[in-house]
């Protein structure tokens, strides 16, 4: 058995799944905050030197899953693990956001695509030398025609 502990809550202007940006690239103008529980505040030491951070969170509004999913950026059903669909066997999400500042246990961020009140599982620093591979192939996504920046969530993962 695997158990995760919530270390905080993510606050954003996105009150519902429908209409929310589907990736941080489509959320550049949206600001939010990460409220880290006080007992984890010390772990935020030295994080303020990073431009971006990786948020790992629980898709708390998702129920069930299917091993085939029609992603927001495509009209073809794809294998679940080749998508970032929220209905997964383990409902874990990941977003890379811009770090604006830290005040005690509150992290101010920009580029947030996460629904308000989402439970936070972990925070990791984004390190370009480790985390960026811009010349990598991206499977079916490479042939896609929809824009990540303008596509918004619809109801496909809410039923």
N, C-alpha and C. Protein backbone atom coordinates (compact mmCIF):
# COMPACT_ATOMS: atom_id res chain seq x y z
N UNK A 1 0.84 -1.19 0.00
CA UNK A 1 0.00 0.00 0.00
C UNK A 1 0.88 1.24 0.00
N UNK A 2 0.49 2.20 -0.82
CA UNK A 2 1.20 3.47 -0.92
C UNK A 2 0.30 4.55 -0.31
N UNK A 3 0.88 5.37 0.54
CA UNK A 3 0.13 6.45 1.16
C UNK A 3 0.88 7.76 0.94
N UNK A 4 0.15 8.78 0.50
CA UNK A 4 0.71 10.11 0.37
C UNK A 4 0.05 11.02 1.38
N UNK A 5 0.81 11.97 1.87
CA UNK A 5 0.27 12.96 2.79
C UNK A 5 0.14 14.29 2.06
N UNK A 6 -0.98 14.93 2.24
CA UNK A 6 -1.17 16.27 1.70
C UNK A 6 -0.23 17.22 2.44
N UNK A 7 0.53 18.02 1.69
CA UNK A 7 1.44 18.96 2.34
C UNK A 7 0.95 20.40 2.21
N UNK A 8 -0.17 20.56 1.54
CA UNK A 8 -0.73 21.90 1.37
C UNK A 8 -1.90 21.87 0.42
N UNK A 9 -2.33 23.07 0.03
CA UNK A 9 -3.45 23.22 -0.89
C UNK A 9 -3.09 24.27 -1.93
N UNK A 10 -3.55 24.05 -3.15
CA UNK A 10 -3.26 24.95 -4.25
C UNK A 10 -4.48 25.84 -4.46
N UNK A 11 -4.26 27.14 -4.50
CA UNK A 11 -5.33 28.11 -4.71
C UNK A 11 -5.15 28.74 -6.09
N UNK A 12 -6.23 28.79 -6.85
CA UNK A 12 -6.15 29.36 -8.19
C UNK A 12 -7.46 30.03 -8.56
N UNK A 13 -7.48 30.80 -9.64
CA UNK A 13 -8.73 31.41 -10.09
C UNK A 13 -9.65 30.42 -10.80
N UNK A 14 -9.20 29.20 -11.04
CA UNK A 14 -10.00 28.20 -11.76
C UNK A 14 -10.88 27.44 -10.76
N UNK A 15 -12.13 27.85 -10.65
CA UNK A 15 -13.04 27.28 -9.65
C UNK A 15 -13.65 25.97 -10.10
N UNK A 16 -13.66 25.70 -11.41
CA UNK A 16 -14.21 24.46 -11.95
C UNK A 16 -13.26 23.88 -12.97
N UNK A 17 -13.37 22.57 -13.20
CA UNK A 17 -12.52 21.93 -14.19
C UNK A 17 -12.81 22.45 -15.59
N UNK A 18 -14.08 22.53 -15.93
CA UNK A 18 -14.45 22.98 -17.27
C UNK A 18 -14.04 24.44 -17.45
N UNK A 19 -13.34 24.71 -18.54
CA UNK A 19 -12.89 26.06 -18.84
C UNK A 19 -11.49 26.37 -18.34
N UNK A 20 -10.92 25.49 -17.53
CA UNK A 20 -9.56 25.72 -17.02
C UNK A 20 -8.55 25.43 -18.13
N UNK A 21 -7.40 26.11 -18.10
CA UNK A 21 -6.35 25.77 -19.06
C UNK A 21 -5.94 24.32 -18.87
N UNK A 22 -5.48 23.68 -19.95
CA UNK A 22 -5.14 22.26 -19.85
C UNK A 22 -3.67 22.02 -19.54
N UNK A 23 -2.85 23.04 -19.64
CA UNK A 23 -1.43 22.95 -19.30
C UNK A 23 -0.96 24.35 -18.91
N UNK A 24 0.15 24.47 -18.16
CA UNK A 24 0.66 25.79 -17.79
C UNK A 24 0.95 26.70 -18.99
N UNK A 25 1.27 26.13 -20.15
CA UNK A 25 1.53 26.95 -21.34
C UNK A 25 0.30 27.77 -21.73
N UNK A 26 -0.88 27.31 -21.38
CA UNK A 26 -2.11 28.04 -21.66
C UNK A 26 -2.60 28.86 -20.49
N UNK A 27 -1.78 28.96 -19.46
CA UNK A 27 -2.20 29.66 -18.24
C UNK A 27 -1.22 30.75 -17.84
N UNK A 28 -0.43 31.24 -18.78
CA UNK A 28 0.66 32.17 -18.43
C UNK A 28 0.19 33.40 -17.66
N UNK A 29 -1.04 33.85 -17.90
CA UNK A 29 -1.51 35.07 -17.24
C UNK A 29 -2.13 34.83 -15.87
N UNK A 30 -2.37 33.56 -15.51
CA UNK A 30 -3.08 33.26 -14.27
C UNK A 30 -2.12 33.11 -13.09
N UNK A 31 -2.42 33.86 -12.03
CA UNK A 31 -1.63 33.76 -10.80
C UNK A 31 -2.40 32.97 -9.75
N UNK A 32 -1.65 32.34 -8.87
CA UNK A 32 -2.24 31.59 -7.79
C UNK A 32 -1.27 31.52 -6.63
N UNK A 33 -1.61 30.71 -5.67
CA UNK A 33 -0.70 30.53 -4.54
C UNK A 33 -0.79 29.09 -4.05
N UNK A 34 0.28 28.69 -3.44
CA UNK A 34 0.36 27.36 -2.85
C UNK A 34 0.49 27.57 -1.35
N UNK A 35 -0.48 27.08 -0.61
CA UNK A 35 -0.48 27.23 0.84
C UNK A 35 0.08 25.94 1.45
N UNK A 36 1.33 25.99 1.81
CA UNK A 36 2.00 24.83 2.41
C UNK A 36 1.61 24.76 3.89
N UNK A 37 1.28 23.59 4.36
CA UNK A 37 0.94 23.43 5.78
C UNK A 37 2.12 23.89 6.63
N UNK A 38 1.85 24.57 7.75
CA UNK A 38 2.92 25.13 8.58
C UNK A 38 4.02 24.14 8.97
N UNK A 39 3.65 22.89 9.20
CA UNK A 39 4.67 21.92 9.61
C UNK A 39 5.67 21.59 8.50
N UNK A 40 5.39 22.02 7.27
CA UNK A 40 6.31 21.79 6.15
C UNK A 40 7.00 23.06 5.68
N UNK A 41 6.75 24.18 6.35
CA UNK A 41 7.29 25.48 5.93
C UNK A 41 8.81 25.48 5.86
N UNK A 42 9.48 24.86 6.80
CA UNK A 42 10.94 24.86 6.80
C UNK A 42 11.51 24.26 5.51
N UNK A 43 10.78 23.35 4.90
CA UNK A 43 11.22 22.73 3.65
C UNK A 43 11.25 23.70 2.47
N UNK A 44 10.67 24.88 2.64
CA UNK A 44 10.69 25.88 1.57
C UNK A 44 11.99 26.69 1.54
N UNK A 45 12.85 26.48 2.54
CA UNK A 45 14.13 27.18 2.58
C UNK A 45 14.90 26.93 1.29
N UNK A 46 15.47 27.98 0.72
CA UNK A 46 16.32 27.94 -0.48
C UNK A 46 15.54 27.77 -1.78
N UNK A 47 14.22 27.62 -1.73
CA UNK A 47 13.43 27.45 -2.94
C UNK A 47 13.30 28.75 -3.72
N UNK A 48 13.41 29.89 -3.02
CA UNK A 48 13.19 31.19 -3.67
C UNK A 48 14.23 31.55 -4.72
N UNK A 49 15.30 30.80 -4.85
CA UNK A 49 16.30 31.06 -5.88
C UNK A 49 15.97 30.44 -7.22
N UNK A 50 14.87 29.68 -7.29
CA UNK A 50 14.48 29.01 -8.53
C UNK A 50 13.42 29.84 -9.26
N UNK A 51 13.51 29.88 -10.58
CA UNK A 51 12.53 30.61 -11.38
C UNK A 51 11.22 29.83 -11.51
N UNK A 52 11.33 28.51 -11.57
CA UNK A 52 10.15 27.66 -11.72
C UNK A 52 10.19 26.52 -10.72
N UNK A 53 9.00 26.03 -10.40
CA UNK A 53 8.90 24.87 -9.51
C UNK A 53 7.92 23.87 -10.12
N UNK A 54 8.08 22.63 -9.72
CA UNK A 54 7.22 21.55 -10.17
C UNK A 54 6.26 21.23 -9.03
N UNK A 55 4.97 21.29 -9.33
CA UNK A 55 3.96 20.94 -8.33
C UNK A 55 3.39 19.57 -8.67
N UNK A 56 3.38 18.70 -7.70
CA UNK A 56 2.74 17.38 -7.82
C UNK A 56 1.49 17.43 -6.95
N UNK A 57 0.37 17.01 -7.51
CA UNK A 57 -0.88 17.17 -6.79
C UNK A 57 -1.84 16.03 -7.08
N UNK A 58 -2.89 15.99 -6.28
CA UNK A 58 -3.89 14.94 -6.40
C UNK A 58 -5.08 15.46 -7.21
N UNK A 59 -5.43 14.76 -8.29
CA UNK A 59 -6.63 15.10 -9.07
C UNK A 59 -7.85 14.69 -8.24
N UNK A 60 -8.16 15.47 -7.22
CA UNK A 60 -9.19 15.11 -6.25
C UNK A 60 -10.61 15.09 -6.81
N UNK A 61 -10.82 15.68 -7.96
CA UNK A 61 -12.16 15.70 -8.55
C UNK A 61 -12.36 14.57 -9.56
N UNK A 62 -11.32 13.82 -9.85
CA UNK A 62 -11.42 12.73 -10.83
C UNK A 62 -11.83 11.43 -10.15
N UNK A 63 -12.67 10.69 -10.85
CA UNK A 63 -13.09 9.38 -10.36
C UNK A 63 -12.94 8.38 -11.48
N UNK A 64 -12.42 7.23 -11.15
CA UNK A 64 -12.29 6.16 -12.13
C UNK A 64 -11.27 6.49 -13.20
N UNK A 65 -11.14 5.57 -14.15
CA UNK A 65 -10.20 5.77 -15.25
C UNK A 65 -10.55 4.81 -16.37
N UNK A 66 -10.00 5.10 -17.52
CA UNK A 66 -10.10 4.23 -18.68
C UNK A 66 -8.71 4.17 -19.27
N UNK A 67 -8.31 3.00 -19.75
CA UNK A 67 -6.97 2.87 -20.31
C UNK A 67 -6.85 3.50 -21.69
N UNK A 68 -7.97 3.94 -22.26
CA UNK A 68 -7.98 4.70 -23.50
C UNK A 68 -8.67 6.03 -23.20
N UNK A 69 -8.08 7.12 -23.66
CA UNK A 69 -8.64 8.45 -23.39
C UNK A 69 -8.51 9.33 -24.62
N UNK A 70 -9.49 10.17 -24.83
CA UNK A 70 -9.41 11.15 -25.90
C UNK A 70 -8.87 12.45 -25.27
N UNK A 71 -7.61 12.78 -25.51
CA UNK A 71 -7.02 13.97 -24.88
C UNK A 71 -7.63 15.25 -25.43
N UNK A 72 -7.48 16.33 -24.69
CA UNK A 72 -8.02 17.62 -25.10
C UNK A 72 -7.46 18.09 -26.43
N UNK A 73 -6.25 17.71 -26.77
CA UNK A 73 -5.60 18.21 -27.97
C UNK A 73 -5.74 17.30 -29.18
N UNK A 74 -6.62 16.30 -29.10
CA UNK A 74 -6.73 15.34 -30.19
C UNK A 74 -8.15 14.77 -30.22
N UNK A 75 -8.57 14.29 -31.37
CA UNK A 75 -9.89 13.68 -31.50
C UNK A 75 -9.81 12.15 -31.54
N UNK A 76 -8.61 11.62 -31.37
CA UNK A 76 -8.40 10.19 -31.42
C UNK A 76 -8.19 9.66 -30.01
N UNK A 77 -8.80 8.52 -29.71
CA UNK A 77 -8.53 7.89 -28.41
C UNK A 77 -7.10 7.40 -28.39
N UNK A 78 -6.43 7.64 -27.30
CA UNK A 78 -5.02 7.28 -27.13
C UNK A 78 -4.87 6.45 -25.86
N UNK A 79 -3.78 5.70 -25.81
CA UNK A 79 -3.47 4.98 -24.58
C UNK A 79 -3.30 5.98 -23.44
N UNK A 80 -3.93 5.72 -22.32
CA UNK A 80 -3.93 6.65 -21.19
C UNK A 80 -2.54 7.16 -20.85
N UNK A 81 -1.56 6.27 -20.86
CA UNK A 81 -0.23 6.67 -20.41
C UNK A 81 0.54 7.47 -21.46
N UNK A 82 -0.07 7.69 -22.63
CA UNK A 82 0.51 8.58 -23.63
C UNK A 82 -0.19 9.94 -23.58
N UNK A 83 -1.01 10.15 -22.53
CA UNK A 83 -1.73 11.41 -22.36
C UNK A 83 -1.48 11.95 -20.96
N UNK A 84 -1.99 13.15 -20.74
CA UNK A 84 -1.97 13.73 -19.40
C UNK A 84 -3.38 13.84 -18.84
N UNK A 85 -4.26 12.98 -19.32
CA UNK A 85 -5.65 12.97 -18.87
C UNK A 85 -5.71 12.80 -17.35
N UNK A 86 -6.63 13.50 -16.69
CA UNK A 86 -6.70 13.44 -15.23
C UNK A 86 -7.32 12.16 -14.66
N UNK A 87 -8.10 11.43 -15.45
CA UNK A 87 -8.72 10.20 -14.94
C UNK A 87 -7.71 9.07 -15.12
N UNK A 88 -7.00 8.76 -14.02
CA UNK A 88 -5.89 7.82 -14.04
C UNK A 88 -6.01 6.84 -12.88
N UNK A 89 -5.33 5.69 -12.96
CA UNK A 89 -5.37 4.76 -11.83
C UNK A 89 -4.86 5.41 -10.54
N UNK A 90 -3.82 6.21 -10.65
CA UNK A 90 -3.33 7.02 -9.53
C UNK A 90 -3.48 8.46 -9.97
N UNK A 91 -4.39 9.17 -9.36
CA UNK A 91 -4.77 10.50 -9.83
C UNK A 91 -3.75 11.56 -9.40
N UNK A 92 -2.58 11.47 -10.03
CA UNK A 92 -1.49 12.40 -9.73
C UNK A 92 -1.29 13.33 -10.91
N UNK A 93 -1.27 14.63 -10.62
CA UNK A 93 -1.03 15.64 -11.64
C UNK A 93 0.31 16.31 -11.43
N UNK A 94 0.80 16.94 -12.49
CA UNK A 94 2.08 17.64 -12.44
C UNK A 94 1.96 18.93 -13.25
N UNK A 95 2.45 20.01 -12.70
CA UNK A 95 2.49 21.29 -13.41
C UNK A 95 3.79 22.00 -13.05
N UNK A 96 4.35 22.65 -14.04
CA UNK A 96 5.55 23.48 -13.81
C UNK A 96 5.09 24.93 -13.89
N UNK A 97 5.28 25.65 -12.80
CA UNK A 97 4.81 27.03 -12.70
C UNK A 97 5.97 27.97 -12.37
N UNK A 98 5.76 29.25 -12.68
CA UNK A 98 6.76 30.28 -12.37
C UNK A 98 6.61 30.68 -10.90
N UNK A 99 7.72 30.69 -10.20
CA UNK A 99 7.75 31.09 -8.79
C UNK A 99 7.91 32.60 -8.71
N UNK A 100 6.92 33.28 -8.12
CA UNK A 100 6.97 34.74 -8.00
C UNK A 100 7.57 35.17 -6.66
N UNK A 101 7.34 34.39 -5.63
CA UNK A 101 7.87 34.75 -4.32
C UNK A 101 7.30 33.85 -3.24
N UNK A 102 7.94 33.92 -2.08
CA UNK A 102 7.52 33.10 -0.94
C UNK A 102 7.39 34.01 0.27
N UNK A 103 6.25 33.92 0.95
CA UNK A 103 6.01 34.65 2.20
C UNK A 103 5.61 33.61 3.25
N UNK A 104 6.53 33.32 4.15
CA UNK A 104 6.32 32.30 5.17
C UNK A 104 5.96 30.97 4.52
N UNK A 105 4.72 30.49 4.66
CA UNK A 105 4.34 29.20 4.09
C UNK A 105 3.51 29.35 2.81
N UNK A 106 3.48 30.55 2.24
CA UNK A 106 2.70 30.82 1.03
C UNK A 106 3.65 31.04 -0.15
N UNK A 107 3.46 30.26 -1.20
CA UNK A 107 4.25 30.40 -2.42
C UNK A 107 3.36 31.06 -3.47
N UNK A 108 3.79 32.18 -4.01
CA UNK A 108 3.05 32.87 -5.06
C UNK A 108 3.59 32.39 -6.41
N UNK A 109 2.66 32.00 -7.29
CA UNK A 109 3.05 31.41 -8.58
C UNK A 109 2.27 32.04 -9.72
N UNK A 110 2.79 31.84 -10.92
CA UNK A 110 2.13 32.30 -12.14
C UNK A 110 2.19 31.18 -13.16
N UNK A 111 1.17 31.15 -14.04
CA UNK A 111 1.09 30.10 -15.03
C UNK A 111 0.38 28.87 -14.47
N UNK A 112 -0.59 29.10 -13.62
CA UNK A 112 -1.23 28.00 -12.91
C UNK A 112 -2.46 27.49 -13.68
N UNK A 113 -2.46 26.20 -13.95
CA UNK A 113 -3.54 25.55 -14.69
C UNK A 113 -4.35 24.61 -13.79
N UNK A 114 -4.17 24.70 -12.51
CA UNK A 114 -4.72 23.75 -11.54
C UNK A 114 -6.02 24.30 -10.95
N UNK A 115 -6.99 23.41 -10.73
CA UNK A 115 -8.27 23.81 -10.16
C UNK A 115 -8.08 24.21 -8.70
N UNK A 116 -8.79 25.24 -8.28
CA UNK A 116 -8.73 25.75 -6.92
C UNK A 116 -9.03 24.64 -5.89
N UNK A 117 -8.33 24.68 -4.80
CA UNK A 117 -8.48 23.76 -3.66
C UNK A 117 -7.95 22.36 -3.94
N UNK A 118 -7.03 22.25 -4.89
CA UNK A 118 -6.42 20.96 -5.19
C UNK A 118 -5.38 20.62 -4.13
N UNK A 119 -5.40 19.41 -3.59
CA UNK A 119 -4.42 19.00 -2.59
C UNK A 119 -3.01 18.88 -3.19
N UNK A 120 -2.04 19.45 -2.51
CA UNK A 120 -0.64 19.41 -2.93
C UNK A 120 0.03 18.19 -2.31
N UNK A 121 0.76 17.43 -3.15
CA UNK A 121 1.48 16.25 -2.68
C UNK A 121 2.96 16.54 -2.47
N UNK A 122 3.57 17.33 -3.39
CA UNK A 122 5.00 17.59 -3.30
C UNK A 122 5.36 18.79 -4.15
N UNK A 123 6.54 19.34 -3.87
CA UNK A 123 7.12 20.45 -4.63
C UNK A 123 8.55 20.06 -4.95
N UNK A 124 8.96 20.29 -6.18
CA UNK A 124 10.34 20.05 -6.57
C UNK A 124 10.82 21.25 -7.37
N UNK A 125 12.11 21.57 -7.28
CA UNK A 125 12.62 22.67 -8.09
C UNK A 125 12.73 22.25 -9.55
N UNK A 126 12.43 23.16 -10.45
CA UNK A 126 12.64 22.92 -11.88
C UNK A 126 14.08 23.31 -12.18
N UNK A 127 14.85 22.37 -12.70
CA UNK A 127 16.25 22.59 -13.03
C UNK A 127 16.42 22.33 -14.52
N UNK A 128 16.61 23.37 -15.33
CA UNK A 128 16.69 23.18 -16.78
C UNK A 128 17.68 22.11 -17.22
N UNK A 129 18.83 22.01 -16.56
CA UNK A 129 19.82 20.99 -16.96
C UNK A 129 19.30 19.57 -16.77
N UNK A 130 18.37 19.38 -15.84
CA UNK A 130 17.82 18.06 -15.58
C UNK A 130 16.48 17.84 -16.27
N UNK A 131 15.68 18.90 -16.36
CA UNK A 131 14.27 18.75 -16.70
C UNK A 131 13.88 19.18 -18.11
N UNK A 132 14.79 19.78 -18.87
CA UNK A 132 14.43 20.28 -20.21
C UNK A 132 15.17 19.49 -21.29
N UNK A 133 14.39 18.92 -22.18
CA UNK A 133 14.91 18.19 -23.33
C UNK A 133 14.14 18.65 -24.56
N UNK A 134 14.37 19.89 -25.00
CA UNK A 134 13.53 20.48 -26.05
C UNK A 134 13.56 19.76 -27.40
N UNK A 135 14.56 18.96 -27.67
CA UNK A 135 14.64 18.27 -28.95
C UNK A 135 14.05 16.86 -28.91
N UNK A 136 13.41 16.51 -27.81
CA UNK A 136 12.84 15.17 -27.67
C UNK A 136 11.59 15.00 -28.52
N UNK A 137 11.35 13.78 -28.98
CA UNK A 137 10.11 13.46 -29.69
C UNK A 137 8.96 13.44 -28.70
N UNK A 138 7.77 13.80 -29.17
CA UNK A 138 6.59 13.84 -28.31
C UNK A 138 5.45 13.03 -28.90
N UNK A 139 5.76 11.89 -29.50
CA UNK A 139 4.74 10.95 -29.98
C UNK A 139 3.65 11.60 -30.80
N UNK A 140 2.41 11.21 -30.54
CA UNK A 140 1.26 11.72 -31.29
C UNK A 140 1.11 13.22 -31.17
N UNK A 141 1.59 13.79 -30.08
CA UNK A 141 1.47 15.23 -29.86
C UNK A 141 2.21 16.03 -30.93
N UNK A 142 3.31 15.50 -31.44
CA UNK A 142 4.08 16.21 -32.47
C UNK A 142 3.26 16.51 -33.72
N UNK A 143 2.29 15.67 -34.03
CA UNK A 143 1.47 15.86 -35.23
C UNK A 143 0.20 16.66 -34.94
N UNK A 144 0.01 17.03 -33.71
CA UNK A 144 -1.23 17.72 -33.32
C UNK A 144 -1.41 19.07 -33.97
N UNK A 145 -2.66 19.46 -34.08
CA UNK A 145 -2.98 20.73 -34.70
C UNK A 145 -3.57 21.73 -33.71
N UNK A 146 -4.00 21.28 -32.56
CA UNK A 146 -4.58 22.19 -31.58
C UNK A 146 -3.50 22.86 -30.76
N UNK A 147 -3.78 24.04 -30.31
CA UNK A 147 -2.84 24.82 -29.53
C UNK A 147 -3.03 24.57 -28.03
N UNK A 148 -1.96 24.24 -27.37
CA UNK A 148 -2.00 24.07 -25.91
C UNK A 148 -2.38 25.38 -25.25
N UNK A 149 -1.92 26.48 -25.82
CA UNK A 149 -2.13 27.79 -25.23
C UNK A 149 -3.60 28.21 -25.25
N UNK A 150 -4.36 27.79 -26.24
CA UNK A 150 -5.75 28.26 -26.35
C UNK A 150 -6.79 27.19 -26.02
N UNK A 151 -6.40 25.94 -25.87
CA UNK A 151 -7.37 24.88 -25.57
C UNK A 151 -7.72 24.91 -24.09
N UNK A 152 -9.01 24.79 -23.79
CA UNK A 152 -9.49 24.78 -22.42
C UNK A 152 -10.18 23.45 -22.15
N UNK A 153 -10.22 23.08 -20.89
CA UNK A 153 -10.86 21.83 -20.49
C UNK A 153 -12.36 21.88 -20.79
N UNK A 154 -12.88 20.74 -21.20
CA UNK A 154 -14.32 20.61 -21.39
C UNK A 154 -14.81 19.52 -20.43
N UNK A 155 -15.95 18.94 -20.70
CA UNK A 155 -16.53 17.97 -19.77
C UNK A 155 -16.07 16.54 -19.98
N UNK A 156 -15.14 16.29 -20.88
CA UNK A 156 -14.82 14.90 -21.23
C UNK A 156 -14.29 14.07 -20.07
N UNK A 157 -13.70 14.67 -19.04
CA UNK A 157 -13.17 13.88 -17.92
C UNK A 157 -13.97 14.08 -16.64
N UNK A 158 -15.16 14.67 -16.76
CA UNK A 158 -15.97 14.92 -15.56
C UNK A 158 -17.10 13.92 -15.39
N UNK A 159 -17.29 13.05 -16.34
CA UNK A 159 -18.38 12.06 -16.23
C UNK A 159 -17.83 10.67 -16.11
